[in-house]
Amino acid sequence: MNIKLINESEDAKQYHSHILALLSQCYVNTGNTKEALELLDKSLAFNKSVLGEAHYTNCNIYMAMVNIYLKKKMYKETIEKLLIVLDLTESEYGLKALETVLVIKDLADTYYKNKEFEEAIEYQKKAVEGCKEIKNIDPKIIEQESIKLCEIYEQADKLSEAIKTLREVREVNNVRWKMVKNKKGSGRLVSY
């Protein structure tokens, strides 16, 4: 496909962003992430010029970038893009929407992978609270997100907060937990 031809076609301008995003996926599939990111930058610029800076469809392009950054373990860039997506998603759907909670959860996961535990805790707490606000959500999802929060607390060496959170989960789901000491002498929470 000839990019120059697409650039010259005014009729294709509204679709240009999507075409570039699809082409970027081809580059990702062949391992050319640099070229993919360049196309996504162009795609984003076109999308912003047609639909505006704060249009929700920009999220799809940002998330494509996020996926590339995550594969390359570029957590700072991932977080930067996710914060933009959070802003756009919250503006479009509100704080209590599933779409917003999923972005918050992605932020918590990325901070966790980057060993920024305080930020991971902050966003994971928001994810748990957001899940509780979503109507008709499966209670197991709230439990999973609460347990993820406990894991983050554990990594941050905040075992009392982990135990408190697990007690809340246990009260809701009658799950039993115990503290098991590892070889280093620190504790680990396990279900039984």
Foldseek 3Di string as FASTA:
>chain_A
DDLVVCVPDPVCLVVQLVVLQVVLVVCVVVVNNVSSVVSLVVSLVSCCVVPNDLALVSLVSLVSVLVSCVVVLVLVSNLVSLVSNLVSCCVVPNLLDPSNLVSLQVNLVSCVSVVVLVSNLVSLVSSLVSQVSDPPRDVVVSVVSLQVSLVSCVSVVNNVVSVVSVVVSCVVVVWDWDWDADPVGDTDIDTD
